[in-house]
Amino acid sequence: MKKAIFAALVITGFVAAANAQVNFDKGVNVKDFVSQAVNADLAVPAAPAPKFGHYSRDCARFSFGPSDKELVSERVYLRSTEYETVCHTQMVQQCHTVMVPGPNNTQVAQQQCHMVPQQYCYERPGMTWTQTGQIKVNPRKLLPWERESFEICMQGPWLDLYVNAAAYKYTARREGNYDTLFELAPQYKIAMKADENGLNYGDFSYAGGKFTFKVNDRWAKEYAGEKVAIKIDLYRDGAWIFNGYKGSKEFTFDAAEGYTMTFDEKDLEKAADEDGTYRDGDDRGAKKYFLKWGFKRVGAISKDNFVKKDKTPTIEAK
């Protein structure tokens, strides 16, 4: 979920909030912003009363990578229109057929009509607000694979700043009114998700009754002193055994440029309900195997999110 980090009113003559500070940790809303402005002895007009309708939403997303210099996004033009729901009531005639007594004790059809109120509603555009927005990120250090993502959205007279993914806790300062710059100042580093392409397939082979799986790590230097956990799931491939699951195992290593895992089927853990009675007993055809695998970083540099990788090529166990 995107976290709202800044909210500002775009109202004629509203210049008071230019230097108000907003902390990303607090999930800022309009009331929070107004409260901060009042505490700073700034005159802030009250938010308009809610109406029966809605505002269009216009957003622009910005991505920032590693840099030791300040970064400034392009300036974007944002526009939001108020749409008001208008309803009116009109009397319309409704008719239905009823059976009434007729001659010689018969029933005959007769149409009866009456007027009933019916409401019609439609939307009509009201006020439109326009503003330009831009983001400046003060110097900070990112790891080579890290990218931060922010979003500026205008909805009605309010301009909001959102964080989608960030490597730091930031404070934000707003400059300008209709030409607005959000300046982000890093406070302290926080972990981001690990690079999905940080670990890659090296080799998968079988010899002497053992499987050997090799993985390469492109960020070994950056993760020096930390660990990585690699999980493998072994499958037997073939038309008769329906990709039979053989078991799984997790290996943990100190960060290095490469990792080698050697194992046989007896080393693997298998769920109790995966006994494979039929499949293990069917030895028709060549014995071919493949791995499904993934990894997670263990330490403080990155989050410990598990990254699923593609399955390995199929090999024959001879």
C-alpha atoms as a PDB file:
ATOM      1  CA  MET A   1       0.000   0.000   0.000  1.00  0.00           C
ATOM      2  CA  LYS A   2       1.318   3.362  -0.854  1.00  0.00           C
ATOM      3  CA  LYS A   3       1.893   5.566   2.142  1.00  0.00           C
ATOM      4  CA  ALA A   4       0.779   9.178   2.053  1.00  0.00           C
ATOM      5  CA  ILE A   5       3.609  11.401   3.211  1.00  0.00           C
ATOM      6  CA  PHE A   6       2.556  14.944   2.446  1.00  0.00           C
ATOM      7  CA  ALA A   7      -0.683  16.819   1.858  1.00  0.00           C
ATOM      8  CA  ALA A   8      -1.143  20.434   0.851  1.00  0.00           C
ATOM      9  CA  LEU A   9      -4.089  22.682   0.025  1.00  0.00           C
ATOM     10  CA  VAL A  10      -4.020  24.498  -3.278  1.00  0.00           C
ATOM     11  CA  ILE A  11      -6.098  27.597  -2.553  1.00  0.00           C
ATOM     12  CA  THR A  12      -5.738  31.136  -3.862  1.00  0.00           C
ATOM     13  CA  GLY A  13      -3.446  33.117  -1.608  1.00  0.00           C
ATOM     14  CA  PHE A  14      -2.317  30.005   0.307  1.00  0.00           C
ATOM     15  CA  VAL A  15       1.388  30.613   0.726  1.00  0.00           C
ATOM     16  CA  ALA A  16       1.628  29.973   4.427  1.00  0.00           C
ATOM     17  CA  ALA A  17       2.528  26.291   4.279  1.00  0.00           C
ATOM     18  CA  ALA A  18       5.712  26.677   2.287  1.00  0.00           C
ATOM     19  CA  ASN A  19       8.070  25.858   5.149  1.00  0.00           C
ATOM     20  CA  ALA A  20       5.995  23.324   7.053  1.00  0.00           C
ATOM     21  CA  GLN A  21       7.947  20.141   7.802  1.00  0.00           C
ATOM     22  CA  VAL A  22       6.364  16.727   7.311  1.00  0.00           C
ATOM     23  CA  ASN A  23       7.766  13.449   8.611  1.00  0.00           C
ATOM     24  CA  PHE A  24       7.228  10.363   6.416  1.00  0.00           C
ATOM     25  CA  ASP A  25       6.741   8.115   9.442  1.00  0.00           C
ATOM     26  CA  LYS A  26       3.434   9.703  10.448  1.00  0.00           C
ATOM     27  CA  GLY A  27       1.197   8.955   7.461  1.00  0.00           C
ATOM     28  CA  VAL A  28       0.259  12.592   6.945  1.00  0.00           C
ATOM     29  CA  ASN A  29      -3.286  13.694   6.192  1.00  0.00           C
ATOM     30  CA  VAL A  30      -4.823  17.130   5.695  1.00  0.00           C
ATOM     31  CA  LYS A  31      -5.582  17.575   9.402  1.00  0.00           C
ATOM     32  CA  ASP A  32      -1.986  16.735  10.338  1.00  0.00           C
ATOM     33  CA  PHE A  33      -0.698  19.325   7.893  1.00  0.00           C
ATOM     34  CA  VAL A  34      -3.091  22.019   9.061  1.00  0.00           C
ATOM     35  CA  SER A  35      -2.134  21.306  12.669  1.00  0.00           C
ATOM     36  CA  GLN A  36       1.574  21.693  11.914  1.00  0.00           C
ATOM     37  CA  ALA A  37       0.967  24.938  10.062  1.00  0.00           C
ATOM     38  CA  VAL A  38      -1.057  26.396  12.931  1.00  0.00           C
ATOM     39  CA  ASN A  39       1.679  25.482  15.395  1.00  0.00           C
ATOM     40  CA  ALA A  40       4.076  27.445  13.189  1.00  0.00           C
ATOM     41  CA  ASP A  41       1.851  30.550  13.461  1.00  0.00           C
ATOM     42  CA  LEU A  42       0.727  30.230   9.849  1.00  0.00           C
ATOM     43  CA  ALA A  43      -2.747  31.265   8.710  1.00  0.00           C
ATOM     44  CA  VAL A  44      -4.433  28.320   6.998  1.00  0.00           C
ATOM     45  CA  PRO A  45      -7.955  28.486   5.535  1.00  0.00           C
ATOM     46  CA  ALA A  46     -10.393  25.769   6.540  1.00  0.00           C
ATOM     47  CA  ALA A  47     -10.903  22.816   4.190  1.00  0.00           C
ATOM     48  CA  PRO A  48     -14.096  23.077   2.124  1.00  0.00           C
ATOM     49  CA  ALA A  49     -17.167  21.175   3.247  1.00  0.00           C
ATOM     50  CA  PRO A  50     -17.695  17.809   1.484  1.00  0.00           C
ATOM     51  CA  LYS A  51     -19.997  17.753  -1.523  1.00  0.00           C
ATOM     52  CA  PHE A  52     -22.113  15.096  -3.191  1.00  0.00           C
ATOM     53  CA  GLY A  53     -19.681  14.165  -5.951  1.00  0.00           C
ATOM     54  CA  HIS A  54     -16.023  13.415  -6.529  1.00  0.00           C
ATOM     55  CA  TYR A  55     -12.740  14.788  -7.856  1.00  0.00           C
ATOM     56  CA  SER A  56     -10.711  13.421 -10.736  1.00  0.00           C
ATOM     57  CA  ARG A  57      -7.209  12.270  -9.774  1.00  0.00           C
ATOM     58  CA  ASP A  58      -4.051  13.091 -11.722  1.00  0.00           C
ATOM     59  CA  CYS A  59      -0.719  11.512 -10.742  1.00  0.00           C
ATOM     60  CA  ALA A  60       2.912  11.417 -11.853  1.00  0.00           C
ATOM     61  CA  ARG A  61       5.448   8.820 -10.695  1.00  0.00           C
ATOM     62  CA  PHE A  62       9.197   9.423 -10.322  1.00  0.00           C
ATOM     63  CA  SER A  63      12.025   6.925  -9.893  1.00  0.00           C
ATOM     64  CA  PHE A  64      15.480   7.738  -8.503  1.00  0.00           C
ATOM     65  CA  GLY A  65      18.566   5.520  -8.542  1.00  0.00           C
ATOM     66  CA  PRO A  66      21.976   5.737  -6.854  1.00  0.00           C
ATOM     67  CA  SER A  67      23.737   9.103  -6.908  1.00  0.00           C
ATOM     68  CA  ASP A  68      26.021  11.082  -4.609  1.00  0.00           C
ATOM     69  CA  LYS A  69      24.487  14.341  -5.851  1.00  0.00           C
ATOM     70  CA  GLU A  70      21.066  15.871  -5.411  1.00  0.00           C
ATOM     71  CA  LEU A  71      18.462  14.646  -7.900  1.00  0.00           C
ATOM     72  CA  VAL A  72      15.652  16.729  -9.356  1.00  0.00           C
ATOM     73  CA  SER A  73      12.736  15.261 -11.282  1.00  0.00           C
ATOM     74  CA  GLU A  74      11.119  16.795 -14.313  1.00  0.00           C
ATOM     75  CA  ARG A  75       8.335  19.303 -13.682  1.00  0.00           C
ATOM     76  CA  VAL A  76       4.897  17.846 -14.377  1.00  0.00           C
ATOM     77  CA  TYR A  77       1.561  19.551 -14.953  1.00  0.00           C
ATOM     78  CA  LEU A  78      -1.321  18.152 -12.875  1.00  0.00           C
ATOM     79  CA  ARG A  79      -5.031  18.832 -13.227  1.00  0.00           C
ATOM     80  CA  SER A  80      -8.094  17.848 -11.194  1.00  0.00           C
ATOM     81  CA  THR A  81     -11.764  18.558 -11.866  1.00  0.00           C
ATOM     82  CA  GLU A  82     -14.660  18.425  -9.461  1.00  0.00           C
ATOM     83  CA  TYR A  83     -17.678  16.437 -10.685  1.00  0.00           C
ATOM     84  CA  GLU A  84     -20.924  17.183  -8.889  1.00  0.00           C
ATOM     85  CA  THR A  85     -23.846  14.793  -8.940  1.00  0.00           C
ATOM     86  CA  VAL A  86     -27.087  16.620  -9.743  1.00  0.00           C
ATOM     87  CA  CYS A  87     -30.469  14.934  -9.239  1.00  0.00           C
ATOM     88  CA  HIS A  88     -34.031  16.000  -9.990  1.00  0.00           C
ATOM     89  CA  THR A  89     -37.408  14.341  -9.559  1.00  0.00           C
ATOM     90  CA  GLN A  90     -39.958  14.011 -12.329  1.00  0.00           C
ATOM     91  CA  MET A  91     -43.491  12.625 -12.210  1.00  0.00           C
ATOM     92  CA  VAL A  92     -44.024   9.831 -14.726  1.00  0.00           C
ATOM     93  CA  GLN A  93     -47.043   7.767 -15.584  1.00  0.00           C
ATOM     94  CA  GLN A  94     -47.013   4.061 -14.820  1.00  0.00           C
ATOM     95  CA  CYS A  95     -49.703   1.719 -16.050  1.00  0.00           C
ATOM     96  CA  HIS A  96     -50.551  -1.901 -15.332  1.00  0.00           C
ATOM     97  CA  THR A  97     -53.305  -4.318 -16.195  1.00  0.00           C
ATOM     98  CA  VAL A  98     -55.753  -5.607 -13.592  1.00  0.00           C
ATOM     99  CA  MET A  99     -58.726  -7.954 -13.831  1.00  0.00           C
ATOM    100  CA  VAL A 100     -62.093  -6.482 -12.881  1.00  0.00           C
ATOM    101  CA  PRO A 101     -65.602  -7.979 -12.779  1.00  0.00           C
ATOM    102  CA  GLY A 102     -67.350  -8.119 -16.130  1.00  0.00           C
ATOM    103  CA  PRO A 103     -70.789  -9.167 -17.440  1.00  0.00           C
ATOM    104  CA  ASN A 104     -72.179 -12.587 -16.659  1.00  0.00           C
ATOM    105  CA  ASN A 105     -69.774 -13.150 -13.761  1.00  0.00           C
ATOM    106  CA  THR A 106     -66.667 -12.851 -15.955  1.00  0.00           C
ATOM    107  CA  GLN A 107     -63.327 -11.137 -15.413  1.00  0.00           C
ATOM    108  CA  VAL A 108     -62.113  -8.609 -17.925  1.00  0.00           C
ATOM    109  CA  ALA A 109     -58.757  -6.857 -18.271  1.00  0.00           C
ATOM    110  CA  GLN A 110     -58.573  -3.184 -17.522  1.00  0.00           C
ATOM    111  CA  GLN A 111     -55.592  -0.831 -17.631  1.00  0.00           C
ATOM    112  CA  GLN A 112     -55.009   1.411 -14.634  1.00  0.00           C
ATOM    113  CA  CYS A 113     -52.524   4.292 -14.591  1.00  0.00           C
ATOM    114  CA  HIS A 114     -51.157   6.591 -11.929  1.00  0.00           C
ATOM    115  CA  MET A 115     -48.358   9.135 -11.535  1.00  0.00           C
ATOM    116  CA  VAL A 116     -45.246   8.245  -9.544  1.00  0.00           C
ATOM    117  CA  PRO A 117     -42.080  10.274  -8.755  1.00  0.00           C
ATOM    118  CA  GLN A 118     -38.849   9.113 -10.434  1.00  0.00           C
ATOM    119  CA  GLN A 119     -35.385  10.505  -9.752  1.00  0.00           C
ATOM    120  CA  TYR A 120     -32.855  11.216 -12.489  1.00  0.00           C
ATOM    121  CA  CYS A 121     -29.199  11.941 -11.724  1.00  0.00           C
ATOM    122  CA  TYR A 122     -26.222  13.012 -13.806  1.00  0.00           C
ATOM    123  CA  GLU A 123     -22.741  14.394 -13.275  1.00  0.00           C
ATOM    124  CA  ARG A 124     -21.627  17.847 -14.294  1.00  0.00           C
ATOM    125  CA  PRO A 125     -18.106  19.309 -14.063  1.00  0.00           C
ATOM    126  CA  GLY A 126     -17.489  22.031 -11.540  1.00  0.00           C
ATOM    127  CA  MET A 127     -14.248  23.720 -10.563  1.00  0.00           C
ATOM    128  CA  THR A 128     -10.906  22.665 -12.038  1.00  0.00           C
ATOM    129  CA  TRP A 129      -7.565  23.037 -10.252  1.00  0.00           C
ATOM    130  CA  THR A 130      -4.176  22.995 -11.959  1.00  0.00           C
ATOM    131  CA  GLN A 131      -0.665  22.948 -10.584  1.00  0.00           C
ATOM    132  CA  THR A 132       2.863  21.877 -11.463  1.00  0.00           C
ATOM    133  CA  GLY A 133       4.806  19.479  -9.237  1.00  0.00           C
ATOM    134  CA  GLN A 134       8.444  18.479  -8.920  1.00  0.00           C
ATOM    135  CA  ILE A 135      10.599  16.464  -6.494  1.00  0.00           C
ATOM    136  CA  LYS A 136      14.135  17.146  -5.310  1.00  0.00           C
ATOM    137  CA  VAL A 137      16.027  14.448  -3.377  1.00  0.00           C
ATOM    138  CA  ASN A 138      18.999  15.608  -1.345  1.00  0.00           C
ATOM    139  CA  PRO A 139      22.282  13.624  -1.619  1.00  0.00           C
ATOM    140  CA  ARG A 140      22.144  10.092  -0.189  1.00  0.00           C
ATOM    141  CA  LYS A 141      23.862   6.776  -0.857  1.00  0.00           C
ATOM    142  CA  LEU A 142      22.024   3.823  -2.404  1.00  0.00           C
ATOM    143  CA  LEU A 143      23.237   0.307  -3.130  1.00  0.00           C
ATOM    144  CA  PRO A 144      23.789  -0.390  -6.858  1.00  0.00           C
ATOM    145  CA  TRP A 145      20.487  -2.253  -7.349  1.00  0.00           C
ATOM    146  CA  GLU A 146      18.275   0.036  -5.263  1.00  0.00           C
ATOM    147  CA  ARG A 147      15.741   2.416  -6.807  1.00  0.00           C
ATOM    148  CA  GLU A 148      13.338   4.690  -4.971  1.00  0.00           C
ATOM    149  CA  SER A 149       9.873   5.534  -6.245  1.00  0.00           C
ATOM    150  CA  PHE A 150       7.652   8.490  -5.330  1.00  0.00           C
ATOM    151  CA  GLU A 151       4.352   9.777  -6.650  1.00  0.00           C
ATOM    152  CA  ILE A 152       2.719  13.205  -6.721  1.00  0.00           C
ATOM    153  CA  CYS A 153      -1.067  13.220  -7.026  1.00  0.00           C
ATOM    154  CA  MET A 154      -3.577  16.043  -7.331  1.00  0.00           C
ATOM    155  CA  GLN A 155      -7.164  15.387  -6.312  1.00  0.00           C
ATOM    156  CA  GLY A 156      -9.410  18.392  -5.972  1.00  0.00           C
ATOM    157  CA  PRO A 157      -7.519  21.327  -4.412  1.00  0.00           C
ATOM    158  CA  TRP A 158      -5.089  19.021  -2.586  1.00  0.00           C
ATOM    159  CA  LEU A 159      -1.620  18.021  -3.715  1.00  0.00           C
ATOM    160  CA  ASP A 160      -0.311  14.803  -2.114  1.00  0.00           C
ATOM    161  CA  LEU A 161       3.114  13.195  -2.110  1.00  0.00           C
ATOM    162  CA  TYR A 162       3.336   9.401  -1.767  1.00  0.00           C
ATOM    163  CA  VAL A 163       6.237   7.013  -1.265  1.00  0.00           C
ATOM    164  CA  ASN A 164       6.071   3.707  -3.118  1.00  0.00           C
ATOM    165  CA  ALA A 165       9.553   2.437  -2.249  1.00  0.00           C
ATOM    166  CA  ALA A 166      12.295   4.235  -0.332  1.00  0.00           C
ATOM    167  CA  ALA A 167      15.755   3.388   0.983  1.00  0.00           C
ATOM    168  CA  TYR A 168      15.639   6.127   3.636  1.00  0.00           C
ATOM    169  CA  LYS A 169      13.260   7.686   6.093  1.00  0.00           C
ATOM    170  CA  TYR A 170      12.739  11.199   4.774  1.00  0.00           C
ATOM    171  CA  THR A 171      11.396  14.516   5.918  1.00  0.00           C
ATOM    172  CA  ALA A 172       9.716  16.667   3.265  1.00  0.00           C
ATOM    173  CA  ARG A 173       9.528  20.421   2.761  1.00  0.00           C
ATOM    174  CA  ARG A 174       7.149  22.145   0.352  1.00  0.00           C
ATOM    175  CA  GLU A 175       8.267  25.178  -1.658  1.00  0.00           C
ATOM    176  CA  GLY A 176       5.969  27.266  -3.809  1.00  0.00           C
ATOM    177  CA  ASN A 177       2.242  27.200  -4.375  1.00  0.00           C
ATOM    178  CA  TYR A 178       1.056  26.648  -7.933  1.00  0.00           C
ATOM    179  CA  ASP A 179       4.593  25.745  -8.973  1.00  0.00           C
ATOM    180  CA  THR A 180       5.421  23.310  -6.177  1.00  0.00           C
ATOM    181  CA  LEU A 181       8.710  21.643  -5.299  1.00  0.00           C
ATOM    182  CA  PHE A 182       8.870  18.877  -2.684  1.00  0.00           C
ATOM    183  CA  GLU A 183      12.343  18.683  -1.157  1.00  0.00           C
ATOM    184  CA  LEU A 184      13.167  15.326   0.478  1.00  0.00           C
ATOM    185  CA  ALA A 185      15.913  15.144   3.098  1.00  0.00           C
ATOM    186  CA  PRO A 186      17.200  11.657   4.075  1.00  0.00           C
ATOM    187  CA  GLN A 187      17.292  10.908   7.796  1.00  0.00           C
ATOM    188  CA  TYR A 188      18.483   7.291   8.127  1.00  0.00           C
ATOM    189  CA  LYS A 189      18.845   4.173   5.939  1.00  0.00           C
ATOM    190  CA  ILE A 190      16.198   1.451   5.839  1.00  0.00           C
ATOM    191  CA  ALA A 191      16.355  -1.928   4.122  1.00  0.00           C
ATOM    192  CA  MET A 192      14.797  -2.410   0.699  1.00  0.00           C
ATOM    193  CA  LYS A 193      13.937  -5.662  -1.071  1.00  0.00           C
ATOM    194  CA  ALA A 194      16.860  -7.738  -2.273  1.00  0.00           C
ATOM    195  CA  ASP A 195      17.778  -7.619  -5.935  1.00  0.00           C
ATOM    196  CA  GLU A 196      15.905 -10.431  -7.717  1.00  0.00           C
ATOM    197  CA  ASN A 197      18.828 -10.779 -10.135  1.00  0.00           C
ATOM    198  CA  GLY A 198      21.461 -10.820  -7.411  1.00  0.00           C
ATOM    199  CA  LEU A 199      21.758 -14.621  -7.489  1.00  0.00           C
ATOM    200  CA  ASN A 200      21.749 -16.550 -10.754  1.00  0.00           C
ATOM    201  CA  TYR A 201      21.928 -20.131 -11.995  1.00  0.00           C
ATOM    202  CA  GLY A 202      25.416 -21.495 -12.462  1.00  0.00           C
ATOM    203  CA  ASP A 203      25.217 -25.254 -13.116  1.00  0.00           C
ATOM    204  CA  PHE A 204      23.206 -28.387 -12.258  1.00  0.00           C
ATOM    205  CA  SER A 205      24.758 -31.830 -12.634  1.00  0.00           C
ATOM    206  CA  TYR A 206      24.693 -35.434 -11.397  1.00  0.00           C
ATOM    207  CA  ALA A 207      27.662 -37.723 -10.728  1.00  0.00           C
ATOM    208  CA  GLY A 208      28.487 -40.528  -8.323  1.00  0.00           C
ATOM    209  CA  GLY A 209      24.968 -40.705  -6.924  1.00  0.00           C
ATOM    210  CA  LYS A 210      24.987 -37.014  -5.980  1.00  0.00           C
ATOM    211  CA  PHE A 211      23.384 -33.891  -7.393  1.00  0.00           C
ATOM    212  CA  THR A 212      25.477 -30.718  -7.553  1.00  0.00           C
ATOM    213  CA  PHE A 213      23.903 -27.273  -7.898  1.00  0.00           C
ATOM    214  CA  LYS A 214      25.936 -24.073  -8.357  1.00  0.00           C
ATOM    215  CA  VAL A 215      24.766 -20.471  -7.990  1.00  0.00           C
ATOM    216  CA  ASN A 216      26.584 -17.198  -8.692  1.00  0.00           C
ATOM    217  CA  ASP A 217      26.240 -14.023  -6.571  1.00  0.00           C
ATOM    218  CA  ARG A 218      26.849 -10.692  -8.323  1.00  0.00           C
ATOM    219  CA  TRP A 219      26.677  -8.669  -5.077  1.00  0.00           C
ATOM    220  CA  ALA A 220      29.033 -10.706  -2.872  1.00  0.00           C
ATOM    221  CA  LYS A 221      31.199  -7.659  -2.117  1.00  0.00           C
ATOM    222  CA  GLU A 222      28.236  -5.511  -1.067  1.00  0.00           C
ATOM    223  CA  TYR A 223      26.918  -8.264   1.249  1.00  0.00           C
ATOM    224  CA  ALA A 224      30.290  -9.093   2.838  1.00  0.00           C
ATOM    225  CA  GLY A 225      29.760 -10.289   6.418  1.00  0.00           C
ATOM    226  CA  GLU A 226      26.139 -11.325   5.823  1.00  0.00           C
ATOM    227  CA  LYS A 227      24.530 -14.589   4.788  1.00  0.00           C
ATOM    228  CA  VAL A 228      22.269 -15.937   2.072  1.00  0.00           C
ATOM    229  CA  ALA A 229      19.809 -18.844   2.267  1.00  0.00           C
ATOM    230  CA  ILE A 230      19.123 -20.887  -0.890  1.00  0.00           C
ATOM    231  CA  LYS A 231      16.150 -23.275  -1.022  1.00  0.00           C
ATOM    232  CA  ILE A 232      15.957 -26.068  -3.600  1.00  0.00           C
ATOM    233  CA  ASP A 233      13.056 -28.368  -4.568  1.00  0.00           C
ATOM    234  CA  LEU A 234      13.966 -31.482  -6.542  1.00  0.00           C
ATOM    235  CA  TYR A 235      11.568 -32.902  -9.156  1.00  0.00           C
ATOM    236  CA  ARG A 236      11.772 -35.965 -11.347  1.00  0.00           C
ATOM    237  CA  ASP A 237      10.702 -35.171 -14.890  1.00  0.00           C
ATOM    238  CA  GLY A 238       8.878 -37.485 -17.294  1.00  0.00           C
ATOM    239  CA  ALA A 239       5.525 -38.338 -18.857  1.00  0.00           C
ATOM    240  CA  TRP A 240       4.909 -41.329 -16.554  1.00  0.00           C
ATOM    241  CA  ILE A 241       5.611 -39.641 -13.232  1.00  0.00           C
ATOM    242  CA  PHE A 242       3.945 -36.246 -13.718  1.00  0.00           C
ATOM    243  CA  ASN A 243       6.939 -34.184 -12.517  1.00  0.00           C
ATOM    244  CA  GLY A 244       7.195 -36.101  -9.257  1.00  0.00           C
ATOM    245  CA  TYR A 245       8.238 -34.014  -6.262  1.00  0.00           C
ATOM    246  CA  LYS A 246      11.223 -35.594  -4.487  1.00  0.00           C
ATOM    247  CA  GLY A 247      11.818 -33.176  -1.600  1.00  0.00           C
ATOM    248  CA  SER A 248      13.435 -29.890  -0.562  1.00  0.00           C
ATOM    249  CA  LYS A 249      16.405 -28.534   1.349  1.00  0.00           C
ATOM    250  CA  GLU A 250      17.671 -25.114   2.435  1.00  0.00           C
ATOM    251  CA  PHE A 251      21.366 -24.236   2.428  1.00  0.00           C
ATOM    252  CA  THR A 252      22.846 -21.228   4.249  1.00  0.00           C
ATOM    253  CA  PHE A 253      26.171 -19.638   3.222  1.00  0.00           C
ATOM    254  CA  ASP A 254      28.349 -16.674   4.063  1.00  0.00           C
ATOM    255  CA  ALA A 255      28.156 -14.162   1.216  1.00  0.00           C
ATOM    256  CA  ALA A 256      30.566 -15.167  -1.564  1.00  0.00           C
ATOM    257  CA  GLU A 257      30.868 -14.974  -5.334  1.00  0.00           C
ATOM    258  CA  GLY A 258      29.587 -18.529  -5.747  1.00  0.00           C
ATOM    259  CA  TYR A 259      27.792 -21.279  -3.809  1.00  0.00           C
ATOM    260  CA  THR A 260      27.966 -25.060  -4.361  1.00  0.00           C
ATOM    261  CA  MET A 261      25.313 -27.448  -3.017  1.00  0.00           C
ATOM    262  CA  THR A 262      25.861 -31.234  -3.140  1.00  0.00           C
ATOM    263  CA  PHE A 263      23.086 -33.620  -2.055  1.00  0.00           C
ATOM    264  CA  ASP A 264      21.182 -36.810  -2.801  1.00  0.00           C
ATOM    265  CA  GLU A 265      17.514 -37.687  -2.329  1.00  0.00           C
ATOM    266  CA  LYS A 266      18.127 -38.928   1.228  1.00  0.00           C
ATOM    267  CA  ASP A 267      19.232 -35.423   2.240  1.00  0.00           C
ATOM    268  CA  LEU A 268      15.908 -33.893   1.251  1.00  0.00           C
ATOM    269  CA  GLU A 269      12.913 -33.176   3.432  1.00  0.00           C
ATOM    270  CA  LYS A 270       9.523 -34.218   2.122  1.00  0.00           C
ATOM    271  CA  ALA A 271       6.030 -33.434   3.420  1.00  0.00           C
ATOM    272  CA  ALA A 272       4.189 -36.381   4.956  1.00  0.00           C
ATOM    273  CA  ASP A 273       1.387 -36.226   2.389  1.00  0.00           C
ATOM    274  CA  GLU A 274       3.893 -36.358  -0.498  1.00  0.00           C
ATOM    275  CA  ASP A 275       4.821 -40.034  -0.239  1.00  0.00           C
ATOM    276  CA  GLY A 276       5.023 -40.513  -4.039  1.00  0.00           C
ATOM    277  CA  THR A 277       4.191 -44.223  -3.754  1.00  0.00           C
ATOM    278  CA  TYR A 278       3.032 -44.587  -7.353  1.00  0.00           C
ATOM    279  CA  ARG A 279       5.548 -42.283  -8.917  1.00  0.00           C
ATOM    280  CA  ASP A 280       8.592 -43.622  -7.058  1.00  0.00           C
ATOM    281  CA  GLY A 281       7.745 -47.130  -8.060  1.00  0.00           C
ATOM    282  CA  ASP A 282       7.421 -46.340 -11.746  1.00  0.00           C
ATOM    283  CA  ASP A 283      10.910 -46.574 -13.264  1.00  0.00           C
ATOM    284  CA  ARG A 284       9.966 -46.597 -16.909  1.00  0.00           C
ATOM    285  CA  GLY A 285      12.057 -44.263 -19.049  1.00  0.00           C
ATOM    286  CA  ALA A 286      15.177 -42.296 -18.260  1.00  0.00           C
ATOM    287  CA  LYS A 287      15.552 -40.718 -14.833  1.00  0.00           C
ATOM    288  CA  LYS A 288      15.596 -36.980 -15.487  1.00  0.00           C
ATOM    289  CA  TYR A 289      15.531 -34.287 -12.819  1.00  0.00           C
ATOM    290  CA  PHE A 290      15.261 -30.524 -12.440  1.00  0.00           C
ATOM    291  CA  LEU A 291      15.251 -28.028  -9.567  1.00  0.00           C
ATOM    292  CA  LYS A 292      12.965 -25.208  -8.590  1.00  0.00           C
ATOM    293  CA  TRP A 293      14.867 -22.794  -6.409  1.00  0.00           C
ATOM    294  CA  GLY A 294      14.958 -19.407  -4.751  1.00  0.00           C
ATOM    295  CA  PHE A 295      16.854 -17.393  -2.165  1.00  0.00           C
ATOM    296  CA  LYS A 296      16.687 -14.767   0.549  1.00  0.00           C
ATOM    297  CA  ARG A 297      19.268 -12.477   2.081  1.00  0.00           C
ATOM    298  CA  VAL A 298      19.930 -12.883   5.797  1.00  0.00           C
ATOM    299  CA  GLY A 299      21.172  -9.752   7.552  1.00  0.00           C
ATOM    300  CA  ALA A 300      20.559  -6.026   7.869  1.00  0.00           C
ATOM    301  CA  ILE A 301      21.434  -4.746   4.390  1.00  0.00           C
ATOM    302  CA  SER A 302      18.249  -5.942   2.628  1.00  0.00           C
ATOM    303  CA  LYS A 303      14.853  -7.271   3.571  1.00  0.00           C
ATOM    304  CA  ASP A 304      14.580 -11.047   3.907  1.00  0.00           C
ATOM    305  CA  ASN A 305      11.999 -11.400   1.132  1.00  0.00           C
ATOM    306  CA  PHE A 306      12.131 -14.765  -0.612  1.00  0.00           C
ATOM    307  CA  VAL A 307      12.933 -14.509  -4.329  1.00  0.00           C
ATOM    308  CA  LYS A 308      11.649 -17.281  -6.606  1.00  0.00           C
ATOM    309  CA  LYS A 309      13.917 -18.087  -9.547  1.00  0.00           C
ATOM    310  CA  ASP A 310      13.289 -20.019 -12.758  1.00  0.00           C
ATOM    311  CA  LYS A 311      13.617 -23.788 -12.719  1.00  0.00           C
ATOM    312  CA  THR A 312      16.918 -25.295 -13.826  1.00  0.00           C
ATOM    313  CA  PRO A 313      17.521 -27.207 -17.050  1.00  0.00           C
ATOM    314  CA  THR A 314      16.597 -30.915 -16.854  1.00  0.00           C
ATOM    315  CA  ILE A 315      19.472 -33.380 -16.405  1.00  0.00           C
ATOM    316  CA  GLU A 316      19.646 -37.164 -16.639  1.00  0.00           C
ATOM    317  CA  ALA A 317      20.853 -39.171 -13.616  1.00  0.00           C
ATOM    318  CA  LYS A 318      22.920 -42.096 -14.892  1.00  0.00           C
END
